[in-house]
N, C-alpha and C. Protein backbone atom coordinates (compact mmCIF):
# COMPACT_ATOMS: atom_id res chain seq x y z
N MET A 1 183.10 -172.72 132.31
CA MET A 1 183.46 -171.52 131.58
C MET A 1 183.32 -170.32 132.50
N ARG A 2 184.23 -169.38 132.31
CA ARG A 2 184.14 -168.15 133.08
C ARG A 2 184.21 -166.94 132.15
N ASP A 3 183.63 -165.84 132.62
CA ASP A 3 183.60 -164.62 131.83
C ASP A 3 184.85 -163.78 132.11
N VAL A 4 185.35 -163.13 131.05
CA VAL A 4 186.46 -162.19 131.17
C VAL A 4 185.95 -160.85 130.64
N GLU A 5 185.87 -159.87 131.53
CA GLU A 5 185.37 -158.55 131.13
C GLU A 5 186.45 -157.73 130.47
N ILE A 6 186.06 -157.04 129.39
CA ILE A 6 186.96 -156.11 128.72
C ILE A 6 186.31 -154.73 128.73
N SER A 7 187.13 -153.70 128.71
CA SER A 7 186.59 -152.35 128.80
C SER A 7 186.27 -151.73 127.44
N ASP A 8 186.83 -152.29 126.37
CA ASP A 8 186.57 -151.79 125.02
C ASP A 8 185.61 -152.73 124.30
N GLU A 9 185.31 -152.40 123.06
CA GLU A 9 184.41 -153.25 122.27
C GLU A 9 185.09 -154.50 121.77
N MET A 10 186.44 -154.47 121.68
CA MET A 10 187.17 -155.64 121.19
C MET A 10 188.50 -155.74 121.91
N ILE A 11 189.10 -156.95 121.82
CA ILE A 11 190.42 -157.20 122.37
C ILE A 11 191.10 -158.21 121.45
N ARG A 12 192.40 -158.11 121.34
CA ARG A 12 193.14 -159.06 120.51
C ARG A 12 193.35 -160.36 121.30
N LEU A 13 193.41 -161.46 120.57
CA LEU A 13 193.49 -162.78 121.19
C LEU A 13 194.70 -162.91 122.12
N GLY A 14 195.85 -162.47 121.68
CA GLY A 14 197.05 -162.56 122.53
C GLY A 14 196.86 -161.83 123.85
N GLN A 15 196.23 -160.67 123.81
CA GLN A 15 195.97 -159.90 125.02
C GLN A 15 194.98 -160.62 125.93
N LEU A 16 193.96 -161.20 125.34
CA LEU A 16 192.95 -161.89 126.14
C LEU A 16 193.53 -163.12 126.83
N LEU A 17 194.38 -163.84 126.13
CA LEU A 17 195.00 -165.02 126.74
C LEU A 17 195.76 -164.63 128.00
N LYS A 18 196.46 -163.50 127.96
CA LYS A 18 197.20 -163.02 129.14
C LYS A 18 196.24 -162.50 130.21
N LEU A 19 195.28 -161.66 129.80
CA LEU A 19 194.33 -161.07 130.75
C LEU A 19 193.55 -162.14 131.51
N SER A 20 193.17 -163.18 130.82
CA SER A 20 192.36 -164.24 131.43
C SER A 20 193.18 -165.20 132.29
N GLY A 21 194.50 -165.13 132.16
CA GLY A 21 195.36 -166.04 132.92
C GLY A 21 195.54 -167.40 132.26
N LEU A 22 195.05 -167.55 131.02
CA LEU A 22 195.25 -168.82 130.32
C LEU A 22 196.72 -169.05 130.00
N VAL A 23 197.46 -167.95 129.82
CA VAL A 23 198.91 -168.01 129.64
C VAL A 23 199.54 -166.96 130.55
N GLU A 24 200.84 -167.13 130.80
CA GLU A 24 201.52 -166.20 131.70
C GLU A 24 202.06 -164.96 131.00
N ASP A 25 202.47 -165.11 129.74
CA ASP A 25 203.06 -163.97 129.04
C ASP A 25 202.90 -164.12 127.53
N GLY A 26 203.39 -163.10 126.82
CA GLY A 26 203.25 -163.09 125.37
C GLY A 26 203.98 -164.22 124.67
N THR A 27 205.10 -164.64 125.23
CA THR A 27 205.86 -165.74 124.65
C THR A 27 205.05 -167.02 124.70
N GLU A 28 204.44 -167.28 125.84
CA GLU A 28 203.62 -168.49 125.96
C GLU A 28 202.40 -168.40 125.05
N ALA A 29 201.81 -167.22 124.93
CA ALA A 29 200.66 -167.03 124.04
C ALA A 29 201.05 -167.38 122.61
N LYS A 30 202.20 -166.89 122.17
CA LYS A 30 202.67 -167.17 120.81
C LYS A 30 202.85 -168.67 120.60
N GLU A 31 203.43 -169.34 121.59
CA GLU A 31 203.69 -170.78 121.48
C GLU A 31 202.41 -171.60 121.36
N VAL A 32 201.43 -171.34 122.25
CA VAL A 32 200.21 -172.15 122.22
C VAL A 32 199.41 -171.88 120.95
N LEU A 33 199.48 -170.65 120.44
CA LEU A 33 198.79 -170.34 119.19
C LEU A 33 199.46 -171.03 118.01
N GLU A 34 200.79 -170.99 117.96
CA GLU A 34 201.52 -171.64 116.86
C GLU A 34 201.29 -173.14 116.86
N GLU A 35 201.09 -173.72 118.04
CA GLU A 35 200.87 -175.16 118.15
C GLU A 35 199.42 -175.56 117.86
N GLY A 36 198.55 -174.57 117.64
CA GLY A 36 197.16 -174.86 117.32
C GLY A 36 196.34 -175.35 118.51
N LEU A 37 196.72 -174.90 119.71
CA LEU A 37 196.05 -175.36 120.92
C LEU A 37 194.88 -174.48 121.35
N VAL A 38 194.69 -173.34 120.67
CA VAL A 38 193.65 -172.39 121.06
C VAL A 38 192.50 -172.43 120.05
N THR A 39 191.29 -172.44 120.57
CA THR A 39 190.13 -172.34 119.68
C THR A 39 189.34 -171.09 120.02
N VAL A 40 188.76 -170.50 118.99
CA VAL A 40 187.86 -169.35 119.14
C VAL A 40 186.53 -169.77 118.53
N ASN A 41 185.51 -169.80 119.34
CA ASN A 41 184.19 -170.23 118.91
C ASN A 41 184.23 -171.60 118.22
N GLY A 42 185.07 -172.49 118.76
CA GLY A 42 185.14 -173.85 118.27
C GLY A 42 186.11 -174.12 117.13
N ALA A 43 186.72 -173.08 116.58
CA ALA A 43 187.65 -173.24 115.46
C ALA A 43 189.07 -172.91 115.90
N VAL A 44 190.04 -173.70 115.46
CA VAL A 44 191.44 -173.45 115.82
C VAL A 44 191.85 -172.08 115.28
N GLU A 45 192.53 -171.31 116.13
CA GLU A 45 192.98 -169.97 115.74
C GLU A 45 194.47 -169.86 116.04
N THR A 46 195.24 -169.34 115.09
CA THR A 46 196.70 -169.22 115.26
C THR A 46 197.18 -167.78 115.25
N ARG A 47 196.28 -166.82 115.06
CA ARG A 47 196.69 -165.41 114.96
C ARG A 47 196.55 -164.70 116.31
N ARG A 48 197.67 -164.16 116.82
CA ARG A 48 197.62 -163.40 118.07
C ARG A 48 196.76 -162.15 117.93
N GLY A 49 196.73 -161.58 116.73
CA GLY A 49 196.01 -160.34 116.50
C GLY A 49 194.53 -160.50 116.20
N LYS A 50 194.04 -161.73 116.22
CA LYS A 50 192.60 -161.97 115.96
C LYS A 50 191.78 -161.11 116.91
N GLN A 51 190.84 -160.35 116.34
CA GLN A 51 190.01 -159.47 117.16
C GLN A 51 188.83 -160.24 117.73
N LEU A 52 188.66 -160.11 119.04
CA LEU A 52 187.57 -160.77 119.74
C LEU A 52 186.56 -159.74 120.21
N VAL A 53 185.30 -160.11 120.19
CA VAL A 53 184.24 -159.20 120.62
C VAL A 53 183.35 -159.91 121.64
N ASP A 54 182.41 -159.16 122.18
CA ASP A 54 181.49 -159.67 123.19
C ASP A 54 180.86 -160.99 122.75
N GLY A 55 180.93 -161.98 123.62
CA GLY A 55 180.31 -163.27 123.35
C GLY A 55 181.23 -164.32 122.76
N ASP A 56 182.41 -163.91 122.26
CA ASP A 56 183.35 -164.90 121.72
C ASP A 56 183.81 -165.83 122.83
N ARG A 57 184.00 -167.11 122.46
CA ARG A 57 184.44 -168.13 123.43
C ARG A 57 185.82 -168.63 123.01
N ILE A 58 186.73 -168.63 123.98
CA ILE A 58 188.11 -169.02 123.73
C ILE A 58 188.43 -170.20 124.63
N ALA A 59 189.05 -171.24 124.06
CA ALA A 59 189.39 -172.42 124.84
C ALA A 59 190.86 -172.77 124.65
N LEU A 60 191.47 -173.20 125.75
CA LEU A 60 192.83 -173.70 125.75
C LEU A 60 192.88 -174.84 126.74
N ASP A 61 193.28 -176.01 126.26
CA ASP A 61 193.26 -177.22 127.08
C ASP A 61 191.84 -177.45 127.60
N GLU A 62 191.68 -177.56 128.90
CA GLU A 62 190.37 -177.84 129.49
C GLU A 62 189.64 -176.57 129.92
N GLU A 63 190.28 -175.40 129.74
CA GLU A 63 189.69 -174.15 130.19
C GLU A 63 189.01 -173.41 129.05
N GLU A 64 187.88 -172.77 129.36
CA GLU A 64 187.16 -171.97 128.37
C GLU A 64 186.72 -170.67 129.01
N VAL A 65 186.90 -169.58 128.29
CA VAL A 65 186.47 -168.27 128.76
C VAL A 65 185.59 -167.62 127.72
N ARG A 66 184.76 -166.68 128.16
CA ARG A 66 183.88 -165.93 127.25
C ARG A 66 184.18 -164.45 127.42
N VAL A 67 184.28 -163.74 126.30
CA VAL A 67 184.52 -162.31 126.32
C VAL A 67 183.22 -161.60 126.66
N VAL A 68 183.30 -160.68 127.64
CA VAL A 68 182.15 -159.87 128.02
C VAL A 68 182.58 -158.41 127.99
N ALA A 69 182.00 -157.64 127.07
CA ALA A 69 182.31 -156.22 126.98
C ALA A 69 181.41 -155.45 127.95
N ARG A 70 182.01 -154.55 128.68
CA ARG A 70 181.22 -153.74 129.64
C ARG A 70 180.48 -152.64 128.95
């Protein structure tokens, strides 16, 4: 697992997927979410607008990242 720093208190899931490099663009983010391939704190999440905060863990395939607010 690796940490992804954000400058605000929260970030939307679609934005984090792109920022972390788990996906290349918004289209890919939409696709992996619609297919149920993304988990947030262990639960499948399909909403691009899901708000993430410090400590949330996001996984896609074999990769996992943790949100770290500065």
